[in-house]
N, C-alpha and C. Protein backbone atom coordinates (compact mmCIF):
# COMPACT_ATOMS: atom_id res chain seq x y z
N MET A 1 -72.43 -44.52 71.85
CA MET A 1 -72.06 -45.84 71.38
C MET A 1 -72.92 -46.91 72.05
N PRO A 2 -73.18 -47.98 71.33
CA PRO A 2 -73.94 -49.07 71.94
C PRO A 2 -73.12 -49.80 72.99
N ASN A 3 -73.81 -50.54 73.80
CA ASN A 3 -73.16 -51.39 74.79
C ASN A 3 -73.45 -52.84 74.42
N ARG A 4 -72.66 -53.37 73.50
CA ARG A 4 -72.87 -54.72 73.02
C ARG A 4 -72.40 -55.72 74.07
N PRO A 5 -72.92 -56.93 74.02
CA PRO A 5 -72.45 -57.95 74.97
C PRO A 5 -70.94 -58.15 74.86
N GLN A 6 -70.32 -58.40 75.98
CA GLN A 6 -68.88 -58.60 76.06
C GLN A 6 -68.57 -60.08 76.29
N PRO A 7 -67.37 -60.52 75.88
CA PRO A 7 -67.00 -61.91 76.16
C PRO A 7 -66.83 -62.14 77.66
N HIS A 8 -67.02 -63.38 78.06
CA HIS A 8 -66.86 -63.76 79.46
C HIS A 8 -65.71 -64.75 79.56
N PHE A 9 -64.79 -64.52 80.47
CA PHE A 9 -63.62 -65.38 80.61
C PHE A 9 -63.66 -66.07 81.96
N PRO A 10 -63.10 -67.26 82.15
CA PRO A 10 -62.13 -67.87 81.24
C PRO A 10 -62.81 -68.49 80.02
N GLU A 11 -62.21 -68.26 78.86
CA GLU A 11 -62.66 -68.80 77.58
C GLU A 11 -61.40 -69.07 76.75
N PRO A 12 -60.77 -70.22 76.94
CA PRO A 12 -59.46 -70.46 76.34
C PRO A 12 -59.44 -70.44 74.82
N ASP A 13 -60.52 -70.83 74.15
CA ASP A 13 -60.49 -70.87 72.70
C ASP A 13 -60.49 -69.48 72.06
N THR A 14 -61.11 -68.50 72.70
CA THR A 14 -61.25 -67.19 72.06
C THR A 14 -60.48 -66.06 72.74
N LYS A 15 -59.84 -66.31 73.86
CA LYS A 15 -59.13 -65.24 74.59
C LYS A 15 -58.10 -64.53 73.70
N HIS A 16 -57.32 -65.30 72.94
CA HIS A 16 -56.29 -64.71 72.08
C HIS A 16 -56.93 -63.84 70.99
N TYR A 17 -58.08 -64.28 70.48
CA TYR A 17 -58.83 -63.49 69.49
C TYR A 17 -59.24 -62.14 70.10
N TRP A 18 -59.86 -62.18 71.29
CA TRP A 18 -60.33 -60.95 71.91
C TRP A 18 -59.18 -60.04 72.34
N ASP A 19 -58.06 -60.61 72.76
CA ASP A 19 -56.88 -59.79 73.06
C ASP A 19 -56.41 -59.07 71.80
N GLY A 20 -56.49 -59.74 70.65
CA GLY A 20 -56.14 -59.12 69.38
C GLY A 20 -57.08 -57.96 69.04
N VAL A 21 -58.36 -58.15 69.28
CA VAL A 21 -59.33 -57.09 69.02
C VAL A 21 -58.97 -55.85 69.82
N LYS A 22 -58.58 -56.03 71.08
CA LYS A 22 -58.16 -54.88 71.92
C LYS A 22 -56.96 -54.17 71.32
N GLU A 23 -56.13 -54.91 70.58
CA GLU A 23 -54.93 -54.32 69.96
C GLU A 23 -55.18 -53.88 68.52
N GLY A 24 -56.42 -53.96 68.07
CA GLY A 24 -56.74 -53.56 66.70
C GLY A 24 -56.36 -54.60 65.66
N GLU A 25 -56.33 -55.88 66.07
CA GLU A 25 -56.00 -56.97 65.16
C GLU A 25 -57.16 -57.95 65.04
N LEU A 26 -57.44 -58.37 63.82
CA LEU A 26 -58.44 -59.39 63.57
C LEU A 26 -57.69 -60.71 63.39
N ARG A 27 -57.71 -61.54 64.42
CA ARG A 27 -56.93 -62.78 64.43
C ARG A 27 -57.78 -63.98 64.01
N TYR A 28 -57.11 -64.92 63.34
CA TYR A 28 -57.74 -66.18 62.94
C TYR A 28 -56.71 -67.28 63.06
N GLN A 29 -57.11 -68.52 62.84
CA GLN A 29 -56.20 -69.65 62.99
C GLN A 29 -56.02 -70.40 61.68
N THR A 30 -54.85 -71.01 61.53
CA THR A 30 -54.61 -71.97 60.45
C THR A 30 -54.09 -73.25 61.09
N CYS A 31 -54.45 -74.37 60.49
CA CYS A 31 -54.05 -75.68 61.03
C CYS A 31 -52.62 -76.00 60.60
N ASN A 32 -51.81 -76.41 61.55
CA ASN A 32 -50.43 -76.81 61.25
C ASN A 32 -50.36 -78.17 60.57
N SER A 33 -51.44 -78.96 60.63
CA SER A 33 -51.45 -80.29 60.02
C SER A 33 -51.97 -80.27 58.59
N CYS A 34 -53.11 -79.62 58.36
CA CYS A 34 -53.71 -79.66 57.02
C CYS A 34 -53.79 -78.30 56.33
N ASN A 35 -53.32 -77.24 56.99
CA ASN A 35 -53.29 -75.87 56.46
C ASN A 35 -54.67 -75.23 56.29
N ALA A 36 -55.72 -75.83 56.84
CA ALA A 36 -57.05 -75.23 56.75
C ALA A 36 -57.10 -73.92 57.53
N VAL A 37 -57.87 -72.99 57.03
CA VAL A 37 -58.12 -71.74 57.73
C VAL A 37 -59.31 -71.96 58.65
N ASN A 38 -59.17 -71.57 59.93
CA ASN A 38 -60.23 -71.79 60.92
C ASN A 38 -60.66 -70.48 61.55
N PHE A 39 -61.95 -70.24 61.49
CA PHE A 39 -62.58 -69.12 62.18
C PHE A 39 -64.02 -69.54 62.39
N TYR A 40 -64.47 -69.37 63.44
CA TYR A 40 -64.34 -68.86 64.78
C TYR A 40 -63.29 -69.69 65.51
N PRO A 41 -62.48 -69.06 66.35
CA PRO A 41 -61.40 -69.78 67.03
C PRO A 41 -61.88 -70.98 67.83
N THR A 42 -61.16 -72.08 67.68
CA THR A 42 -61.47 -73.31 68.40
C THR A 42 -60.18 -74.00 68.82
N ALA A 43 -60.28 -74.96 69.70
CA ALA A 43 -59.11 -75.70 70.17
C ALA A 43 -58.63 -76.71 69.13
N HIS A 44 -59.52 -77.12 68.23
CA HIS A 44 -59.17 -78.14 67.24
C HIS A 44 -59.57 -77.69 65.85
N CYS A 45 -58.80 -78.11 64.85
CA CYS A 45 -59.08 -77.78 63.46
C CYS A 45 -60.47 -78.27 63.07
N GLN A 46 -61.22 -77.43 62.43
CA GLN A 46 -62.57 -77.79 61.99
C GLN A 46 -62.55 -78.74 60.80
N ALA A 47 -61.41 -78.84 60.11
CA ALA A 47 -61.31 -79.71 58.94
C ALA A 47 -60.80 -81.11 59.29
N CYS A 48 -59.72 -81.18 60.10
CA CYS A 48 -59.09 -82.49 60.35
C CYS A 48 -59.08 -82.90 61.83
N GLY A 49 -59.45 -82.00 62.73
CA GLY A 49 -59.48 -82.31 64.15
C GLY A 49 -58.17 -82.14 64.89
N SER A 50 -57.12 -81.73 64.20
CA SER A 50 -55.82 -81.54 64.84
C SER A 50 -55.91 -80.47 65.93
N GLY A 51 -55.13 -80.65 66.98
CA GLY A 51 -55.07 -79.66 68.05
C GLY A 51 -53.91 -78.70 67.88
N SER A 52 -53.26 -78.74 66.72
CA SER A 52 -52.10 -77.89 66.46
C SER A 52 -52.48 -76.80 65.45
N GLN A 53 -52.71 -75.59 65.99
CA GLN A 53 -53.08 -74.48 65.13
C GLN A 53 -52.18 -73.28 65.41
N ALA A 54 -52.01 -72.45 64.38
CA ALA A 54 -51.22 -71.23 64.48
C ALA A 54 -52.15 -70.03 64.35
N TRP A 55 -51.84 -68.98 65.11
CA TRP A 55 -52.61 -67.74 65.02
C TRP A 55 -51.99 -66.85 63.96
N LYS A 56 -52.85 -66.20 63.17
CA LYS A 56 -52.41 -65.24 62.15
C LYS A 56 -53.25 -63.98 62.31
N VAL A 57 -52.80 -62.90 61.67
CA VAL A 57 -53.53 -61.63 61.71
C VAL A 57 -54.03 -61.32 60.31
N SER A 58 -55.31 -61.12 60.20
CA SER A 58 -55.94 -60.76 58.92
C SER A 58 -55.67 -59.29 58.63
N LYS A 59 -55.59 -58.96 57.34
CA LYS A 59 -55.49 -57.54 56.99
C LYS A 59 -56.84 -56.86 57.15
N GLY A 60 -57.91 -57.66 57.37
CA GLY A 60 -59.22 -57.10 57.70
C GLY A 60 -60.02 -56.61 56.51
N GLU A 61 -59.73 -57.13 55.32
CA GLU A 61 -60.47 -56.73 54.13
C GLU A 61 -61.19 -57.92 53.55
N GLY A 62 -62.40 -57.67 53.04
CA GLY A 62 -63.17 -58.77 52.47
C GLY A 62 -64.33 -58.27 51.65
N THR A 63 -65.23 -59.21 51.35
CA THR A 63 -66.37 -58.96 50.47
C THR A 63 -67.65 -59.43 51.17
N VAL A 64 -68.70 -58.63 51.06
CA VAL A 64 -69.99 -59.03 51.63
C VAL A 64 -70.51 -60.22 50.83
N TYR A 65 -70.67 -61.35 51.50
CA TYR A 65 -71.21 -62.56 50.88
C TYR A 65 -72.74 -62.48 50.82
N THR A 66 -73.36 -62.15 51.93
CA THR A 66 -74.80 -61.93 52.00
C THR A 66 -75.10 -61.10 53.24
N PHE A 67 -76.30 -60.55 53.31
CA PHE A 67 -76.65 -59.72 54.47
C PHE A 67 -78.16 -59.66 54.63
N SER A 68 -78.56 -59.20 55.80
CA SER A 68 -79.96 -58.92 56.10
C SER A 68 -79.99 -57.66 56.94
N VAL A 69 -81.04 -56.89 56.78
CA VAL A 69 -81.17 -55.67 57.57
C VAL A 69 -82.20 -55.92 58.67
N VAL A 70 -81.78 -55.73 59.90
CA VAL A 70 -82.67 -55.84 61.06
C VAL A 70 -83.33 -54.48 61.22
N MET A 71 -84.65 -54.47 61.15
CA MET A 71 -85.38 -53.20 61.20
C MET A 71 -85.79 -52.83 62.63
N GLN A 72 -85.96 -53.85 63.48
CA GLN A 72 -86.41 -53.59 64.85
C GLN A 72 -85.83 -54.67 65.75
N ASN A 73 -85.29 -54.27 66.88
CA ASN A 73 -84.68 -55.22 67.79
C ASN A 73 -84.93 -54.75 69.22
N ARG A 74 -85.33 -55.67 70.06
CA ARG A 74 -85.61 -55.32 71.46
C ARG A 74 -84.55 -55.86 72.41
N ILE A 75 -83.48 -56.40 71.89
CA ILE A 75 -82.40 -56.94 72.73
C ILE A 75 -81.57 -55.78 73.26
N PRO A 76 -81.35 -55.71 74.59
CA PRO A 76 -80.52 -54.64 75.14
C PRO A 76 -79.14 -54.61 74.45
N GLY A 77 -78.66 -53.42 74.17
CA GLY A 77 -77.39 -53.26 73.47
C GLY A 77 -77.58 -53.14 71.97
N PHE A 78 -78.78 -53.42 71.48
CA PHE A 78 -79.06 -53.32 70.05
C PHE A 78 -80.25 -52.42 69.77
N GLN A 79 -81.10 -52.18 70.78
CA GLN A 79 -82.32 -51.38 70.59
C GLN A 79 -82.03 -50.01 70.00
N GLU A 80 -80.99 -49.36 70.50
CA GLU A 80 -80.73 -47.98 70.10
C GLU A 80 -80.11 -47.86 68.71
N LEU A 81 -79.79 -48.98 68.08
CA LEU A 81 -79.16 -48.93 66.77
C LEU A 81 -80.12 -48.55 65.65
N GLY A 82 -81.41 -48.80 65.83
CA GLY A 82 -82.32 -48.63 64.71
C GLY A 82 -82.04 -49.73 63.69
N ALA A 83 -82.26 -49.47 62.43
CA ALA A 83 -82.00 -50.46 61.38
C ALA A 83 -80.48 -50.67 61.25
N TYR A 84 -80.07 -51.95 61.16
CA TYR A 84 -78.65 -52.24 60.98
C TYR A 84 -78.48 -53.52 60.16
N ALA A 85 -77.33 -53.61 59.48
CA ALA A 85 -77.05 -54.75 58.60
C ALA A 85 -76.24 -55.80 59.33
N VAL A 86 -76.71 -57.04 59.28
CA VAL A 86 -75.98 -58.20 59.75
C VAL A 86 -75.52 -58.93 58.49
N ALA A 87 -74.23 -59.22 58.40
CA ALA A 87 -73.69 -59.77 57.15
C ALA A 87 -72.69 -60.88 57.40
N TYR A 88 -72.58 -61.76 56.43
CA TYR A 88 -71.45 -62.67 56.34
C TYR A 88 -70.45 -61.99 55.42
N VAL A 89 -69.23 -61.82 55.91
CA VAL A 89 -68.16 -61.23 55.12
C VAL A 89 -67.11 -62.29 54.87
N ASP A 90 -66.75 -62.47 53.60
CA ASP A 90 -65.66 -63.38 53.22
C ASP A 90 -64.36 -62.60 53.26
N LEU A 91 -63.51 -62.93 54.25
CA LEU A 91 -62.23 -62.26 54.38
C LEU A 91 -61.25 -62.78 53.32
N ASP A 92 -60.34 -61.93 52.90
CA ASP A 92 -59.38 -62.30 51.85
C ASP A 92 -58.50 -63.48 52.23
N GLU A 93 -58.33 -63.74 53.51
CA GLU A 93 -57.49 -64.85 53.96
C GLU A 93 -58.20 -66.20 53.89
N GLY A 94 -59.50 -66.22 53.56
CA GLY A 94 -60.19 -67.49 53.35
C GLY A 94 -61.16 -67.92 54.43
N PHE A 95 -61.60 -67.01 55.27
CA PHE A 95 -62.62 -67.38 56.26
C PHE A 95 -63.81 -66.44 56.15
N ARG A 96 -64.95 -66.90 56.62
CA ARG A 96 -66.19 -66.14 56.60
C ARG A 96 -66.54 -65.76 58.03
N MET A 97 -66.97 -64.51 58.20
CA MET A 97 -67.25 -63.98 59.52
C MET A 97 -68.64 -63.35 59.55
N LEU A 98 -69.42 -63.68 60.59
CA LEU A 98 -70.71 -63.02 60.82
C LEU A 98 -70.45 -61.73 61.56
N THR A 99 -70.95 -60.61 61.07
CA THR A 99 -70.59 -59.31 61.60
C THR A 99 -71.65 -58.28 61.23
N ASN A 100 -71.39 -57.04 61.56
CA ASN A 100 -72.22 -55.92 61.10
C ASN A 100 -71.45 -55.14 60.06
N VAL A 101 -72.19 -54.64 59.06
CA VAL A 101 -71.62 -53.69 58.10
C VAL A 101 -72.28 -52.35 58.38
N LEU A 102 -71.47 -51.37 58.74
CA LEU A 102 -71.97 -50.04 59.10
C LEU A 102 -71.81 -49.10 57.92
N VAL A 103 -72.89 -48.40 57.58
CA VAL A 103 -72.86 -47.43 56.49
C VAL A 103 -73.48 -46.13 56.97
N ASP A 104 -73.14 -45.04 56.31
CA ASP A 104 -73.81 -43.77 56.57
C ASP A 104 -75.17 -43.85 55.88
N GLY A 105 -76.21 -43.56 56.61
CA GLY A 105 -77.53 -43.58 56.01
C GLY A 105 -78.21 -44.93 56.13
N ASP A 106 -79.04 -45.23 55.16
CA ASP A 106 -79.93 -46.38 55.17
C ASP A 106 -79.20 -47.67 54.81
N PRO A 107 -79.14 -48.65 55.72
CA PRO A 107 -78.44 -49.89 55.41
C PRO A 107 -79.16 -50.73 54.34
N THR A 108 -80.44 -50.47 54.09
CA THR A 108 -81.13 -51.24 53.04
C THR A 108 -80.65 -50.86 51.65
N THR A 109 -80.07 -49.68 51.52
CA THR A 109 -79.52 -49.26 50.23
C THR A 109 -78.01 -49.11 50.26
N GLY A 110 -77.42 -49.01 51.45
CA GLY A 110 -75.97 -48.76 51.56
C GLY A 110 -75.10 -50.01 51.60
N VAL A 111 -75.71 -51.18 51.79
CA VAL A 111 -74.95 -52.44 51.83
C VAL A 111 -75.35 -53.25 50.61
N LYS A 112 -74.36 -53.86 49.95
CA LYS A 112 -74.61 -54.64 48.74
C LYS A 112 -73.82 -55.95 48.78
N ILE A 113 -74.40 -57.01 48.25
CA ILE A 113 -73.66 -58.26 48.06
C ILE A 113 -72.52 -57.97 47.09
N GLY A 114 -71.33 -58.47 47.42
CA GLY A 114 -70.15 -58.24 46.60
C GLY A 114 -69.38 -56.98 46.94
N GLN A 115 -69.90 -56.18 47.85
CA GLN A 115 -69.26 -54.92 48.26
C GLN A 115 -67.97 -55.21 49.02
N ARG A 116 -66.92 -54.46 48.72
CA ARG A 116 -65.67 -54.58 49.45
C ARG A 116 -65.78 -53.80 50.75
N VAL A 117 -65.32 -54.42 51.84
CA VAL A 117 -65.41 -53.82 53.17
C VAL A 117 -64.09 -54.02 53.92
N ARG A 118 -63.92 -53.20 54.96
CA ARG A 118 -62.70 -53.26 55.80
C ARG A 118 -63.13 -53.23 57.26
N VAL A 119 -62.41 -53.98 58.09
CA VAL A 119 -62.72 -54.04 59.52
C VAL A 119 -62.49 -52.69 60.20
N ASP A 120 -63.31 -52.43 61.18
CA ASP A 120 -63.17 -51.28 62.06
C ASP A 120 -63.53 -51.80 63.45
N TYR A 121 -63.16 -51.08 64.48
CA TYR A 121 -63.41 -51.55 65.84
C TYR A 121 -64.27 -50.53 66.57
N GLU A 122 -65.48 -50.96 66.93
CA GLU A 122 -66.44 -50.09 67.58
C GLU A 122 -66.22 -50.14 69.09
N LYS A 123 -65.76 -49.03 69.65
CA LYS A 123 -65.54 -48.95 71.09
C LYS A 123 -66.91 -48.97 71.79
N GLN A 124 -66.92 -49.51 72.98
CA GLN A 124 -68.14 -49.63 73.76
C GLN A 124 -68.11 -48.65 74.93
N ASP A 125 -69.28 -48.16 75.32
CA ASP A 125 -69.37 -47.28 76.49
C ASP A 125 -68.93 -48.02 77.75
N SER A 126 -69.26 -49.29 77.82
CA SER A 126 -68.84 -50.09 78.96
C SER A 126 -68.23 -51.37 78.41
N GLY A 127 -67.27 -51.89 79.11
CA GLY A 127 -66.59 -53.09 78.64
C GLY A 127 -65.27 -52.74 77.99
N GLU A 128 -64.32 -53.62 78.14
CA GLU A 128 -62.98 -53.32 77.64
C GLU A 128 -62.72 -53.77 76.22
N TYR A 129 -63.62 -54.57 75.64
CA TYR A 129 -63.38 -55.12 74.31
C TYR A 129 -64.21 -54.39 73.26
N PRO A 130 -63.55 -53.77 72.27
CA PRO A 130 -64.31 -53.21 71.16
C PRO A 130 -64.90 -54.35 70.32
N ILE A 131 -65.85 -54.04 69.48
CA ILE A 131 -66.51 -55.03 68.64
C ILE A 131 -66.04 -54.83 67.20
N PRO A 132 -65.51 -55.89 66.57
CA PRO A 132 -65.13 -55.74 65.17
C PRO A 132 -66.37 -55.63 64.28
N VAL A 133 -66.44 -54.60 63.48
CA VAL A 133 -67.50 -54.36 62.53
C VAL A 133 -66.81 -54.02 61.19
N PHE A 134 -67.59 -53.92 60.15
CA PHE A 134 -67.00 -53.61 58.84
C PHE A 134 -67.66 -52.38 58.25
N ARG A 135 -66.87 -51.67 57.44
CA ARG A 135 -67.35 -50.48 56.74
C ARG A 135 -66.93 -50.59 55.27
N PRO A 136 -67.72 -50.00 54.37
CA PRO A 136 -67.33 -50.03 52.96
C PRO A 136 -65.96 -49.40 52.75
N MET A 137 -65.23 -49.95 51.79
CA MET A 137 -63.90 -49.40 51.46
C MET A 137 -64.04 -48.21 50.52
């Protein structure tokens, strides 16, 4: 398994998100004032600026909005992956997430725009937080 970078704490805006990942939950926020869906987790609503947000759990299913395949990478924790897909996934709950889509075989042919995907959690050799990734449904 790769050793992807891990979050560093204290990080009050994302701690609840990462605790959810450890529990196999993909968490996001909704604003209590304007009902906007917010992801990446923040202290204030990205739509109206309210500091009152509620945490929810996504069912972890969505659609590939767009993607690119990285053919070569020299960043530690990514070198051993070979070619891999970096994608924006539109989750059914209304937020977009930058992530990896993992497929068996060649990601240049195995990932498609509009493809339905589901979250999975990639355990790391070191570090306590798995990384949320997506796989075709």
